[in-house]
Amino acid sequence: MGREDRVYQEACALWRELYGEPPPATGTGPADGALMLGMIMGRLPEVGYERLRTPHLRPSADVVMPKPPRA
């Protein structure tokens, strides 16, 4: 199994976990792993991020984390 096949299989598994249904038929098979991941990412809401800064990290080593949801 090549890299593209693994990406496709992982994208299919992720789709089934997220949506509880079989992944849509994308047409050309394993080469469409990136397309499926794009479809999954396109359905996610846009989230702002805040940077974690600490004196224990180098100044160039920012850690980015999702902002907590608003109540």
C-alpha atoms as a PDB file:
ATOM      1  CA  MET A   1       0.000   0.000   0.000  1.00  0.00           C
ATOM      2  CA  GLY A   2       1.470   3.328  -1.072  1.00  0.00           C
ATOM      3  CA  ARG A   3       1.282   6.722   0.579  1.00  0.00           C
ATOM      4  CA  GLU A   4      -1.746   7.875  -1.441  1.00  0.00           C
ATOM      5  CA  ASP A   5      -3.611   4.678  -0.559  1.00  0.00           C
ATOM      6  CA  ARG A   6      -2.910   5.213   3.154  1.00  0.00           C
ATOM      7  CA  VAL A   7      -4.057   8.845   2.972  1.00  0.00           C
ATOM      8  CA  TYR A   8      -7.254   7.730   1.263  1.00  0.00           C
ATOM      9  CA  GLN A   9      -7.929   4.989   3.827  1.00  0.00           C
ATOM     10  CA  GLU A  10      -7.306   7.379   6.729  1.00  0.00           C
ATOM     11  CA  ALA A  11      -9.563  10.021   5.153  1.00  0.00           C
ATOM     12  CA  CYS A  12     -12.331   7.416   4.742  1.00  0.00           C
ATOM     13  CA  ALA A  13     -11.977   6.315   8.368  1.00  0.00           C
ATOM     14  CA  LEU A  14     -12.052   9.922   9.552  1.00  0.00           C
ATOM     15  CA  TRP A  15     -15.177  10.605   7.471  1.00  0.00           C
ATOM     16  CA  ARG A  16     -16.967   7.589   8.983  1.00  0.00           C
ATOM     17  CA  GLU A  17     -16.013   8.683  12.525  1.00  0.00           C
ATOM     18  CA  LEU A  18     -17.109  12.288  12.012  1.00  0.00           C
ATOM     19  CA  TYR A  19     -20.304  11.788  10.056  1.00  0.00           C
ATOM     20  CA  GLY A  20     -21.379   8.205  10.870  1.00  0.00           C
ATOM     21  CA  GLU A  21     -21.884   7.389   7.207  1.00  0.00           C
ATOM     22  CA  PRO A  22     -19.827   6.023   4.335  1.00  0.00           C
ATOM     23  CA  PRO A  23     -17.612   8.570   2.601  1.00  0.00           C
ATOM     24  CA  PRO A  24     -18.934  10.036  -0.644  1.00  0.00           C
ATOM     25  CA  ALA A  25     -17.766   8.508  -3.893  1.00  0.00           C
ATOM     26  CA  THR A  26     -15.089  10.874  -5.151  1.00  0.00           C
ATOM     27  CA  GLY A  27     -14.501   9.171  -8.453  1.00  0.00           C
ATOM     28  CA  THR A  28     -10.892   8.164  -8.912  1.00  0.00           C
ATOM     29  CA  GLY A  29     -10.178   6.273  -5.680  1.00  0.00           C
ATOM     30  CA  PRO A  30      -6.986   6.591  -3.648  1.00  0.00           C
ATOM     31  CA  ALA A  31      -5.792   9.704  -5.455  1.00  0.00           C
ATOM     32  CA  ASP A  32      -8.781  11.464  -3.908  1.00  0.00           C
ATOM     33  CA  GLY A  33      -7.574  11.176  -0.302  1.00  0.00           C
ATOM     34  CA  ALA A  34      -6.490  14.811  -0.374  1.00  0.00           C
ATOM     35  CA  LEU A  35      -9.844  15.806  -1.884  1.00  0.00           C
ATOM     36  CA  MET A  36     -11.718  14.019   0.910  1.00  0.00           C
ATOM     37  CA  LEU A  37      -9.576  15.697   3.554  1.00  0.00           C
ATOM     38  CA  GLY A  38     -10.327  19.025   1.882  1.00  0.00           C
ATOM     39  CA  MET A  39     -14.056  18.277   2.065  1.00  0.00           C
ATOM     40  CA  ILE A  40     -13.765  17.409   5.762  1.00  0.00           C
ATOM     41  CA  MET A  41     -11.755  20.537   6.548  1.00  0.00           C
ATOM     42  CA  GLY A  42     -14.132  22.692   4.494  1.00  0.00           C
ATOM     43  CA  ARG A  43     -17.049  21.662   6.722  1.00  0.00           C
ATOM     44  CA  LEU A  44     -15.293  22.667   9.931  1.00  0.00           C
ATOM     45  CA  PRO A  45     -16.079  26.070  11.418  1.00  0.00           C
ATOM     46  CA  GLU A  46     -13.334  28.667  11.321  1.00  0.00           C
ATOM     47  CA  VAL A  47     -11.809  29.065  14.752  1.00  0.00           C
ATOM     48  CA  GLY A  48      -9.565  31.807  16.038  1.00  0.00           C
ATOM     49  CA  TYR A  49      -6.326  30.894  17.733  1.00  0.00           C
ATOM     50  CA  GLU A  50      -4.394  32.411  20.575  1.00  0.00           C
ATOM     51  CA  ARG A  51      -0.672  32.096  20.996  1.00  0.00           C
ATOM     52  CA  LEU A  52       0.836  30.726  24.178  1.00  0.00           C
ATOM     53  CA  ARG A  53       3.880  32.685  25.224  1.00  0.00           C
ATOM     54  CA  THR A  54       5.994  31.743  28.187  1.00  0.00           C
ATOM     55  CA  PRO A  55       9.504  32.584  29.361  1.00  0.00           C
ATOM     56  CA  HIS A  56      10.256  28.859  29.221  1.00  0.00           C
ATOM     57  CA  LEU A  57       9.949  28.761  25.420  1.00  0.00           C
ATOM     58  CA  ARG A  58      12.257  30.369  22.901  1.00  0.00           C
ATOM     59  CA  PRO A  59      10.700  33.563  21.498  1.00  0.00           C
ATOM     60  CA  SER A  60      10.372  31.927  18.077  1.00  0.00           C
ATOM     61  CA  ALA A  61       8.655  28.818  19.470  1.00  0.00           C
ATOM     62  CA  ASP A  62       5.059  29.974  19.837  1.00  0.00           C
ATOM     63  CA  VAL A  63       2.530  27.293  20.658  1.00  0.00           C
ATOM     64  CA  VAL A  64      -0.810  27.875  18.939  1.00  0.00           C
ATOM     65  CA  MET A  65      -3.968  26.600  20.614  1.00  0.00           C
ATOM     66  CA  PRO A  66      -7.666  26.942  19.768  1.00  0.00           C
ATOM     67  CA  LYS A  67      -9.446  29.676  21.654  1.00  0.00           C
ATOM     68  CA  PRO A  68     -11.973  28.392  24.176  1.00  0.00           C
ATOM     69  CA  PRO A  69     -15.584  28.541  22.920  1.00  0.00           C
ATOM     70  CA  ARG A  70     -17.638  31.531  23.943  1.00  0.00           C
ATOM     71  CA  ALA A  71     -20.438  30.859  26.388  1.00  0.00           C
END
